[in-house]
Amino acid sequence: LARKRAPEVQVIVDGRNSFSAGIAAGYANDAIARFNQKYFPEAASKVNVWIRGWDNPNYSAQYFMIPSLLAILTLLSLTLLVALSFAKEREAGTMDQLLLTPFSPLELLAAKGLASVFIGMAQLAFCMLFVRYWFHIPYVSDYWLLYLLFLTFLMAAVGIGLAVSVYCSTLQQAMIWTFLFVIPFVLLSGMATPIASMPDFLQHAMLINPIRWSISALHRLFLEGATFTDILPTYLILCTIGIATFTIAGVSFVW
């Protein structure tokens, strides 16, 4: 200003909560407008404002929605597939024959779960072709981090499906209970509504939501170039959810 030059001022706004971000940006614009009015009343504006979004400068909704759909579609399809597995055995009357095999109940659960994990990984590889070459979503991290993330996410999804399947005796029950769990998980995952804008009890309840953690990690992998250290807490949380749900399913199945 002393040299009669146009100053540059940087304002960084956290846009995850769009409402609060809009208020903060409004305060910044108001401060700049007051400054211009006080020091440069003869000109319309001496300080100009340019808004640029980090990691998504064009504000493309596809960059946010498409990676999120990877987690949502995987949880919906894999959880339903696993939940229907044992329910179908009970409905068809082949559960007793399955228990008479020389395999323990935990081995039977593991076999059902591993088969679904392989299906989920194949589905991910197929969907990534559309994400990268049809929708042209950029991916700036290492691909092994993405597959490791989905491996831990599939563990959590399969664990939830097994826990549901153990308590269901018909296919209709398995479908109803699966949607009863999955739909709230999707709606409260942070894809449509920011987690920070939800009530406190919902924010605490969604700590067990695997989609919430997966969507956050997917955005960082696709757009921010996150490293293994950055995503490590998400890996541990998803593994914990998977182990806990598989333990519940195993204990219930044995009893």
C-alpha atoms as a PDB file:
ATOM      1  CA  LEU A   1       0.000   0.000   0.000  1.00  0.00           C
ATOM      2  CA  ALA A   2       2.871   2.367   0.791  1.00  0.00           C
ATOM      3  CA  ARG A   3       4.269   1.721  -2.672  1.00  0.00           C
ATOM      4  CA  LYS A   4       0.858   2.307  -4.250  1.00  0.00           C
ATOM      5  CA  ARG A   5       0.573  -1.328  -5.357  1.00  0.00           C
ATOM      6  CA  ALA A   6      -2.418  -3.646  -5.204  1.00  0.00           C
ATOM      7  CA  PRO A   7      -2.031  -5.923  -2.154  1.00  0.00           C
ATOM      8  CA  GLU A   8      -2.637  -9.665  -2.189  1.00  0.00           C
ATOM      9  CA  VAL A   9      -4.515 -11.157   0.766  1.00  0.00           C
ATOM     10  CA  GLN A  10      -5.103 -14.889   1.161  1.00  0.00           C
ATOM     11  CA  VAL A  11      -8.217 -16.184   2.932  1.00  0.00           C
ATOM     12  CA  ILE A  12      -8.445 -19.969   3.365  1.00  0.00           C
ATOM     13  CA  VAL A  13     -11.934 -21.290   4.146  1.00  0.00           C
ATOM     14  CA  ASP A  14     -12.733 -24.872   5.167  1.00  0.00           C
ATOM     15  CA  GLY A  15     -15.525 -25.769   2.768  1.00  0.00           C
ATOM     16  CA  ARG A  16     -16.566 -29.081   4.332  1.00  0.00           C
ATOM     17  CA  ASN A  17     -19.291 -27.205   6.191  1.00  0.00           C
ATOM     18  CA  SER A  18     -20.657 -25.075   3.355  1.00  0.00           C
ATOM     19  CA  PHE A  19     -22.905 -22.959   5.608  1.00  0.00           C
ATOM     20  CA  SER A  20     -20.119 -21.879   7.964  1.00  0.00           C
ATOM     21  CA  ALA A  21     -17.734 -21.450   5.039  1.00  0.00           C
ATOM     22  CA  GLY A  22     -20.195 -19.117   3.316  1.00  0.00           C
ATOM     23  CA  ILE A  23     -20.531 -16.996   6.477  1.00  0.00           C
ATOM     24  CA  ALA A  24     -16.734 -16.820   6.867  1.00  0.00           C
ATOM     25  CA  ALA A  25     -16.256 -15.850   3.222  1.00  0.00           C
ATOM     26  CA  GLY A  26     -18.957 -13.195   3.626  1.00  0.00           C
ATOM     27  CA  TYR A  27     -17.137 -11.697   6.616  1.00  0.00           C
ATOM     28  CA  ALA A  28     -13.895 -11.593   4.613  1.00  0.00           C
ATOM     29  CA  ASN A  29     -15.582  -9.890   1.661  1.00  0.00           C
ATOM     30  CA  ASP A  30     -17.229  -7.385   3.992  1.00  0.00           C
ATOM     31  CA  ALA A  31     -13.876  -6.549   5.608  1.00  0.00           C
ATOM     32  CA  ILE A  32     -12.325  -5.999   2.176  1.00  0.00           C
ATOM     33  CA  ALA A  33     -15.249  -3.835   1.072  1.00  0.00           C
ATOM     34  CA  ARG A  34     -14.938  -1.663   4.214  1.00  0.00           C
ATOM     35  CA  PHE A  35     -11.215  -1.366   3.637  1.00  0.00           C
ATOM     36  CA  ASN A  36     -11.724  -0.241   0.048  1.00  0.00           C
ATOM     37  CA  GLN A  37     -14.389   2.243   1.078  1.00  0.00           C
ATOM     38  CA  LYS A  38     -12.130   3.749   3.736  1.00  0.00           C
ATOM     39  CA  TYR A  39      -8.825   3.954   1.880  1.00  0.00           C
ATOM     40  CA  PHE A  40      -9.907   4.048  -1.777  1.00  0.00           C
ATOM     41  CA  PRO A  41     -13.248   5.847  -1.864  1.00  0.00           C
ATOM     42  CA  GLU A  42     -12.585   7.253  -5.328  1.00  0.00           C
ATOM     43  CA  ALA A  43     -12.405   3.818  -6.983  1.00  0.00           C
ATOM     44  CA  ALA A  44     -14.927   1.019  -7.135  1.00  0.00           C
ATOM     45  CA  SER A  45     -12.410  -1.486  -5.808  1.00  0.00           C
ATOM     46  CA  LYS A  46      -8.664  -1.597  -5.343  1.00  0.00           C
ATOM     47  CA  VAL A  47      -8.586  -5.104  -3.834  1.00  0.00           C
ATOM     48  CA  ASN A  48     -10.096  -7.828  -5.990  1.00  0.00           C
ATOM     49  CA  VAL A  49     -11.318 -11.211  -4.720  1.00  0.00           C
ATOM     50  CA  TRP A  50     -10.725 -14.476  -6.604  1.00  0.00           C
ATOM     51  CA  ILE A  51     -12.168 -17.698  -5.187  1.00  0.00           C
ATOM     52  CA  ARG A  52     -10.389 -20.981  -5.890  1.00  0.00           C
ATOM     53  CA  GLY A  53     -11.350 -24.348  -4.453  1.00  0.00           C
ATOM     54  CA  TRP A  54      -8.518 -26.551  -3.261  1.00  0.00           C
ATOM     55  CA  ASP A  55      -8.130 -29.892  -5.090  1.00  0.00           C
ATOM     56  CA  ASN A  56     -11.264 -29.129  -7.124  1.00  0.00           C
ATOM     57  CA  PRO A  57     -10.796 -25.650  -8.644  1.00  0.00           C
ATOM     58  CA  ASN A  58     -13.609 -26.093 -11.183  1.00  0.00           C
ATOM     59  CA  TYR A  59     -16.104 -27.119  -8.471  1.00  0.00           C
ATOM     60  CA  SER A  60     -17.025 -30.243 -10.423  1.00  0.00           C
ATOM     61  CA  ALA A  61     -19.631 -32.285  -8.563  1.00  0.00           C
ATOM     62  CA  GLN A  62     -18.380 -35.440 -10.291  1.00  0.00           C
ATOM     63  CA  TYR A  63     -15.037 -35.189  -8.485  1.00  0.00           C
ATOM     64  CA  PHE A  64     -16.909 -35.459  -5.193  1.00  0.00           C
ATOM     65  CA  MET A  65     -19.805 -37.772  -6.041  1.00  0.00           C
ATOM     66  CA  ILE A  66     -18.216 -40.476  -8.216  1.00  0.00           C
ATOM     67  CA  PRO A  67     -15.558 -41.607  -5.680  1.00  0.00           C
ATOM     68  CA  SER A  68     -18.249 -41.589  -2.984  1.00  0.00           C
ATOM     69  CA  LEU A  69     -20.426 -43.891  -5.078  1.00  0.00           C
ATOM     70  CA  LEU A  70     -17.618 -46.451  -5.162  1.00  0.00           C
ATOM     71  CA  ALA A  71     -17.967 -46.961  -1.410  1.00  0.00           C
ATOM     72  CA  ILE A  72     -21.772 -46.777  -1.394  1.00  0.00           C
ATOM     73  CA  LEU A  73     -22.332 -49.281  -4.193  1.00  0.00           C
ATOM     74  CA  THR A  74     -19.781 -51.668  -2.735  1.00  0.00           C
ATOM     75  CA  LEU A  75     -21.315 -51.606   0.737  1.00  0.00           C
ATOM     76  CA  LEU A  76     -24.843 -52.041  -0.606  1.00  0.00           C
ATOM     77  CA  SER A  77     -24.044 -54.932  -2.950  1.00  0.00           C
ATOM     78  CA  LEU A  78     -21.554 -56.789  -0.741  1.00  0.00           C
ATOM     79  CA  THR A  79     -23.548 -56.466   2.472  1.00  0.00           C
ATOM     80  CA  LEU A  80     -26.687 -57.718   0.751  1.00  0.00           C
ATOM     81  CA  LEU A  81     -24.786 -60.563  -0.933  1.00  0.00           C
ATOM     82  CA  VAL A  82     -23.274 -61.765   2.342  1.00  0.00           C
ATOM     83  CA  ALA A  83     -26.513 -61.304   4.289  1.00  0.00           C
ATOM     84  CA  LEU A  84     -28.384 -63.499   1.829  1.00  0.00           C
ATOM     85  CA  SER A  85     -25.816 -66.309   1.994  1.00  0.00           C
ATOM     86  CA  PHE A  86     -26.743 -67.978   5.288  1.00  0.00           C
ATOM     87  CA  ALA A  87     -30.370 -66.882   5.043  1.00  0.00           C
ATOM     88  CA  LYS A  88     -30.637 -68.793   1.784  1.00  0.00           C
ATOM     89  CA  GLU A  89     -29.114 -71.882   3.423  1.00  0.00           C
ATOM     90  CA  ARG A  90     -31.695 -71.744   6.209  1.00  0.00           C
ATOM     91  CA  GLU A  91     -34.594 -71.148   3.851  1.00  0.00           C
ATOM     92  CA  ALA A  92     -33.523 -74.002   1.564  1.00  0.00           C
ATOM     93  CA  GLY A  93     -33.014 -76.343   4.542  1.00  0.00           C
ATOM     94  CA  THR A  94     -29.337 -77.017   3.773  1.00  0.00           C
ATOM     95  CA  MET A  95     -27.904 -75.375   6.898  1.00  0.00           C
ATOM     96  CA  ASP A  96     -27.817 -78.674   8.801  1.00  0.00           C
ATOM     97  CA  GLN A  97     -25.936 -80.322   5.944  1.00  0.00           C
ATOM     98  CA  LEU A  98     -23.480 -77.425   5.976  1.00  0.00           C
ATOM     99  CA  LEU A  99     -22.869 -77.827   9.705  1.00  0.00           C
ATOM    100  CA  LEU A 100     -22.207 -81.548   9.268  1.00  0.00           C
ATOM    101  CA  THR A 101     -19.189 -80.841   7.072  1.00  0.00           C
ATOM    102  CA  PRO A 102     -15.743 -81.196   8.731  1.00  0.00           C
ATOM    103  CA  PHE A 103     -15.376 -77.412   8.906  1.00  0.00           C
ATOM    104  CA  SER A 104     -15.833 -75.317  12.028  1.00  0.00           C
ATOM    105  CA  PRO A 105     -18.459 -72.531  12.132  1.00  0.00           C
ATOM    106  CA  LEU A 106     -15.724 -69.888  11.995  1.00  0.00           C
ATOM    107  CA  GLU A 107     -14.266 -71.508   8.884  1.00  0.00           C
ATOM    108  CA  LEU A 108     -17.690 -71.460   7.257  1.00  0.00           C
ATOM    109  CA  LEU A 109     -18.061 -67.772   8.075  1.00  0.00           C
ATOM    110  CA  ALA A 110     -14.589 -67.043   6.746  1.00  0.00           C
ATOM    111  CA  ALA A 111     -15.292 -68.918   3.506  1.00  0.00           C
ATOM    112  CA  LYS A 112     -18.501 -66.967   2.910  1.00  0.00           C
ATOM    113  CA  GLY A 113     -16.729 -63.703   3.714  1.00  0.00           C
ATOM    114  CA  LEU A 114     -13.618 -64.303   1.608  1.00  0.00           C
ATOM    115  CA  ALA A 115     -15.673 -65.196  -1.455  1.00  0.00           C
ATOM    116  CA  SER A 116     -17.511 -61.881  -1.134  1.00  0.00           C
ATOM    117  CA  VAL A 117     -14.244 -59.985  -0.642  1.00  0.00           C
ATOM    118  CA  PHE A 118     -12.902 -61.346  -3.938  1.00  0.00           C
ATOM    119  CA  ILE A 119     -16.137 -60.326  -5.661  1.00  0.00           C
ATOM    120  CA  GLY A 120     -15.864 -56.846  -4.169  1.00  0.00           C
ATOM    121  CA  MET A 121     -12.259 -56.384  -5.314  1.00  0.00           C
ATOM    122  CA  ALA A 122     -13.219 -57.455  -8.845  1.00  0.00           C
ATOM    123  CA  GLN A 123     -16.128 -55.012  -8.764  1.00  0.00           C
ATOM    124  CA  LEU A 124     -13.780 -52.227  -7.666  1.00  0.00           C
ATOM    125  CA  ALA A 125     -11.348 -52.925 -10.531  1.00  0.00           C
ATOM    126  CA  PHE A 126     -14.247 -52.876 -13.015  1.00  0.00           C
ATOM    127  CA  CYS A 127     -15.723 -49.648 -11.637  1.00  0.00           C
ATOM    128  CA  MET A 128     -12.335 -47.912 -11.621  1.00  0.00           C
ATOM    129  CA  LEU A 129     -12.211 -48.272 -15.406  1.00  0.00           C
ATOM    130  CA  PHE A 130     -15.395 -46.183 -15.671  1.00  0.00           C
ATOM    131  CA  VAL A 131     -14.208 -43.712 -13.042  1.00  0.00           C
ATOM    132  CA  ARG A 132     -10.888 -43.033 -14.749  1.00  0.00           C
ATOM    133  CA  TYR A 133     -11.704 -43.372 -18.460  1.00  0.00           C
ATOM    134  CA  TRP A 134     -15.428 -42.577 -18.712  1.00  0.00           C
ATOM    135  CA  PHE A 135     -15.903 -39.862 -16.086  1.00  0.00           C
ATOM    136  CA  HIS A 136     -12.232 -38.744 -16.228  1.00  0.00           C
ATOM    137  CA  ILE A 137     -11.898 -38.383 -12.467  1.00  0.00           C
ATOM    138  CA  PRO A 138      -8.237 -37.694 -11.612  1.00  0.00           C
ATOM    139  CA  TYR A 139      -6.404 -40.023  -9.246  1.00  0.00           C
ATOM    140  CA  VAL A 140      -3.143 -38.676  -7.817  1.00  0.00           C
ATOM    141  CA  SER A 141      -2.186 -41.249  -5.147  1.00  0.00           C
ATOM    142  CA  ASP A 142      -0.669 -44.720  -5.420  1.00  0.00           C
ATOM    143  CA  TYR A 143      -3.136 -47.365  -6.563  1.00  0.00           C
ATOM    144  CA  TRP A 144      -2.056 -49.872  -3.921  1.00  0.00           C
ATOM    145  CA  LEU A 145      -3.329 -47.442  -1.266  1.00  0.00           C
ATOM    146  CA  LEU A 146      -6.764 -47.504  -2.935  1.00  0.00           C
ATOM    147  CA  TYR A 147      -6.924 -51.295  -3.045  1.00  0.00           C
ATOM    148  CA  LEU A 148      -5.699 -51.551   0.546  1.00  0.00           C
ATOM    149  CA  LEU A 149      -8.421 -49.112   1.576  1.00  0.00           C
ATOM    150  CA  PHE A 150     -11.090 -51.200  -0.163  1.00  0.00           C
ATOM    151  CA  LEU A 151      -9.719 -54.386   1.345  1.00  0.00           C
ATOM    152  CA  THR A 152     -10.224 -52.990   4.846  1.00  0.00           C
ATOM    153  CA  PHE A 153     -13.570 -51.491   3.820  1.00  0.00           C
ATOM    154  CA  LEU A 154     -14.734 -54.833   2.437  1.00  0.00           C
ATOM    155  CA  MET A 155     -13.784 -56.477   5.735  1.00  0.00           C
ATOM    156  CA  ALA A 156     -16.136 -54.084   7.513  1.00  0.00           C
ATOM    157  CA  ALA A 157     -18.920 -54.554   4.930  1.00  0.00           C
ATOM    158  CA  VAL A 158     -18.619 -58.351   5.017  1.00  0.00           C
ATOM    159  CA  GLY A 159     -18.612 -58.329   8.800  1.00  0.00           C
ATOM    160  CA  ILE A 160     -21.860 -56.350   8.860  1.00  0.00           C
ATOM    161  CA  GLY A 161     -23.412 -58.687   6.303  1.00  0.00           C
ATOM    162  CA  LEU A 162     -22.406 -61.785   8.258  1.00  0.00           C
ATOM    163  CA  ALA A 163     -23.765 -60.329  11.499  1.00  0.00           C
ATOM    164  CA  VAL A 164     -27.095 -59.673   9.774  1.00  0.00           C
ATOM    165  CA  SER A 165     -27.164 -63.072   8.070  1.00  0.00           C
ATOM    166  CA  VAL A 166     -26.657 -65.014  11.288  1.00  0.00           C
ATOM    167  CA  TYR A 167     -29.848 -63.607  12.812  1.00  0.00           C
ATOM    168  CA  CYS A 168     -32.061 -63.979   9.718  1.00  0.00           C
ATOM    169  CA  SER A 169     -33.931 -67.130   8.762  1.00  0.00           C
ATOM    170  CA  THR A 170     -35.415 -66.008   5.418  1.00  0.00           C
ATOM    171  CA  LEU A 171     -34.241 -63.990   2.436  1.00  0.00           C
ATOM    172  CA  GLN A 172     -36.884 -61.337   3.065  1.00  0.00           C
ATOM    173  CA  GLN A 173     -35.637 -60.773   6.607  1.00  0.00           C
ATOM    174  CA  ALA A 174     -32.052 -60.505   5.394  1.00  0.00           C
ATOM    175  CA  MET A 175     -33.000 -57.937   2.761  1.00  0.00           C
ATOM    176  CA  ILE A 176     -35.039 -55.831   5.185  1.00  0.00           C
ATOM    177  CA  TRP A 177     -32.341 -55.813   7.881  1.00  0.00           C
ATOM    178  CA  THR A 178     -29.639 -55.038   5.318  1.00  0.00           C
ATOM    179  CA  PHE A 179     -31.488 -51.990   4.029  1.00  0.00           C
ATOM    180  CA  LEU A 180     -32.286 -50.998   7.602  1.00  0.00           C
ATOM    181  CA  PHE A 181     -28.553 -50.720   8.285  1.00  0.00           C
ATOM    182  CA  VAL A 182     -27.254 -49.573   4.904  1.00  0.00           C
ATOM    183  CA  ILE A 183     -29.696 -46.750   4.098  1.00  0.00           C
ATOM    184  CA  PRO A 184     -28.978 -44.741   7.296  1.00  0.00           C
ATOM    185  CA  PHE A 185     -25.262 -45.371   6.795  1.00  0.00           C
ATOM    186  CA  VAL A 186     -25.484 -43.905   3.275  1.00  0.00           C
ATOM    187  CA  LEU A 187     -27.632 -40.905   4.212  1.00  0.00           C
ATOM    188  CA  LEU A 188     -25.429 -40.034   7.211  1.00  0.00           C
ATOM    189  CA  SER A 189     -22.093 -40.768   5.557  1.00  0.00           C
ATOM    190  CA  GLY A 190     -21.259 -37.141   4.815  1.00  0.00           C
ATOM    191  CA  MET A 191     -21.798 -37.408   1.064  1.00  0.00           C
ATOM    192  CA  ALA A 192     -25.039 -35.412   0.987  1.00  0.00           C
ATOM    193  CA  THR A 193     -24.770 -33.603   4.340  1.00  0.00           C
ATOM    194  CA  PRO A 194     -21.493 -32.631   6.065  1.00  0.00           C
ATOM    195  CA  ILE A 195     -20.792 -34.598   9.231  1.00  0.00           C
ATOM    196  CA  ALA A 196     -19.942 -31.396  11.108  1.00  0.00           C
ATOM    197  CA  SER A 197     -23.443 -29.982  10.512  1.00  0.00           C
ATOM    198  CA  MET A 198     -25.198 -33.002  12.064  1.00  0.00           C
ATOM    199  CA  PRO A 199     -26.350 -33.151  15.706  1.00  0.00           C
ATOM    200  CA  ASP A 200     -23.730 -34.288  18.182  1.00  0.00           C
ATOM    201  CA  PHE A 201     -25.357 -37.646  18.906  1.00  0.00           C
ATOM    202  CA  LEU A 202     -25.419 -38.480  15.182  1.00  0.00           C
ATOM    203  CA  GLN A 203     -21.775 -37.467  14.810  1.00  0.00           C
ATOM    204  CA  HIS A 204     -20.858 -39.884  17.604  1.00  0.00           C
ATOM    205  CA  ALA A 205     -23.142 -42.630  16.262  1.00  0.00           C
ATOM    206  CA  MET A 206     -21.585 -42.392  12.785  1.00  0.00           C
ATOM    207  CA  LEU A 207     -18.156 -43.245  14.168  1.00  0.00           C
ATOM    208  CA  ILE A 208     -19.104 -46.893  13.466  1.00  0.00           C
ATOM    209  CA  ASN A 209     -20.196 -46.068   9.909  1.00  0.00           C
ATOM    210  CA  PRO A 210     -17.616 -47.538   7.491  1.00  0.00           C
ATOM    211  CA  ILE A 211     -18.884 -45.433   4.557  1.00  0.00           C
ATOM    212  CA  ARG A 212     -18.137 -42.245   6.484  1.00  0.00           C
ATOM    213  CA  TRP A 213     -14.462 -43.152   6.824  1.00  0.00           C
ATOM    214  CA  SER A 214     -14.178 -44.596   3.323  1.00  0.00           C
ATOM    215  CA  ILE A 215     -15.626 -41.539   1.573  1.00  0.00           C
ATOM    216  CA  SER A 216     -13.265 -39.223   3.431  1.00  0.00           C
ATOM    217  CA  ALA A 217     -10.264 -41.390   2.544  1.00  0.00           C
ATOM    218  CA  LEU A 218     -11.369 -41.751  -1.097  1.00  0.00           C
ATOM    219  CA  HIS A 219     -11.534 -37.990  -1.574  1.00  0.00           C
ATOM    220  CA  ARG A 220      -8.040 -37.617  -0.134  1.00  0.00           C
ATOM    221  CA  LEU A 221      -6.658 -40.391  -2.325  1.00  0.00           C
ATOM    222  CA  PHE A 222      -8.327 -39.183  -5.530  1.00  0.00           C
ATOM    223  CA  LEU A 223      -7.773 -35.450  -5.183  1.00  0.00           C
ATOM    224  CA  GLU A 224      -5.190 -34.650  -2.504  1.00  0.00           C
ATOM    225  CA  GLY A 225      -2.482 -37.236  -3.157  1.00  0.00           C
ATOM    226  CA  ALA A 226      -2.618 -38.660   0.368  1.00  0.00           C
ATOM    227  CA  THR A 227       0.134 -41.024   1.531  1.00  0.00           C
ATOM    228  CA  PHE A 228      -0.001 -44.194   3.617  1.00  0.00           C
ATOM    229  CA  THR A 229       0.643 -42.237   6.812  1.00  0.00           C
ATOM    230  CA  ASP A 230      -2.287 -39.921   6.068  1.00  0.00           C
ATOM    231  CA  ILE A 231      -4.741 -42.814   5.542  1.00  0.00           C
ATOM    232  CA  LEU A 232      -3.370 -45.118   8.262  1.00  0.00           C
ATOM    233  CA  PRO A 233      -5.977 -44.062  10.898  1.00  0.00           C
ATOM    234  CA  THR A 234      -8.769 -44.927   8.432  1.00  0.00           C
ATOM    235  CA  TYR A 235      -7.233 -48.352   7.773  1.00  0.00           C
ATOM    236  CA  LEU A 236      -7.116 -49.092  11.496  1.00  0.00           C
ATOM    237  CA  ILE A 237     -10.691 -47.914  12.090  1.00  0.00           C
ATOM    238  CA  LEU A 238     -12.102 -50.020   9.227  1.00  0.00           C
ATOM    239  CA  CYS A 239     -10.136 -53.069  10.389  1.00  0.00           C
ATOM    240  CA  THR A 240     -11.516 -52.582  13.912  1.00  0.00           C
ATOM    241  CA  ILE A 241     -15.095 -52.389  12.585  1.00  0.00           C
ATOM    242  CA  GLY A 242     -14.542 -55.527  10.504  1.00  0.00           C
ATOM    243  CA  ILE A 243     -13.026 -57.504  13.385  1.00  0.00           C
ATOM    244  CA  ALA A 244     -15.794 -56.414  15.776  1.00  0.00           C
ATOM    245  CA  THR A 245     -18.638 -57.331  13.401  1.00  0.00           C
ATOM    246  CA  PHE A 246     -17.011 -60.643  12.423  1.00  0.00           C
ATOM    247  CA  THR A 247     -16.574 -61.479  16.119  1.00  0.00           C
ATOM    248  CA  ILE A 248     -20.260 -60.734  16.767  1.00  0.00           C
ATOM    249  CA  ALA A 249     -21.260 -62.900  13.811  1.00  0.00           C
ATOM    250  CA  GLY A 250     -18.932 -65.737  14.901  1.00  0.00           C
ATOM    251  CA  VAL A 251     -20.108 -65.772  18.508  1.00  0.00           C
ATOM    252  CA  SER A 252     -23.777 -65.655  17.444  1.00  0.00           C
ATOM    253  CA  PHE A 253     -23.293 -68.380  14.833  1.00  0.00           C
ATOM    254  CA  VAL A 254     -21.561 -70.733  17.273  1.00  0.00           C
ATOM    255  CA  TRP A 255     -24.230 -70.240  19.931  1.00  0.00           C
END
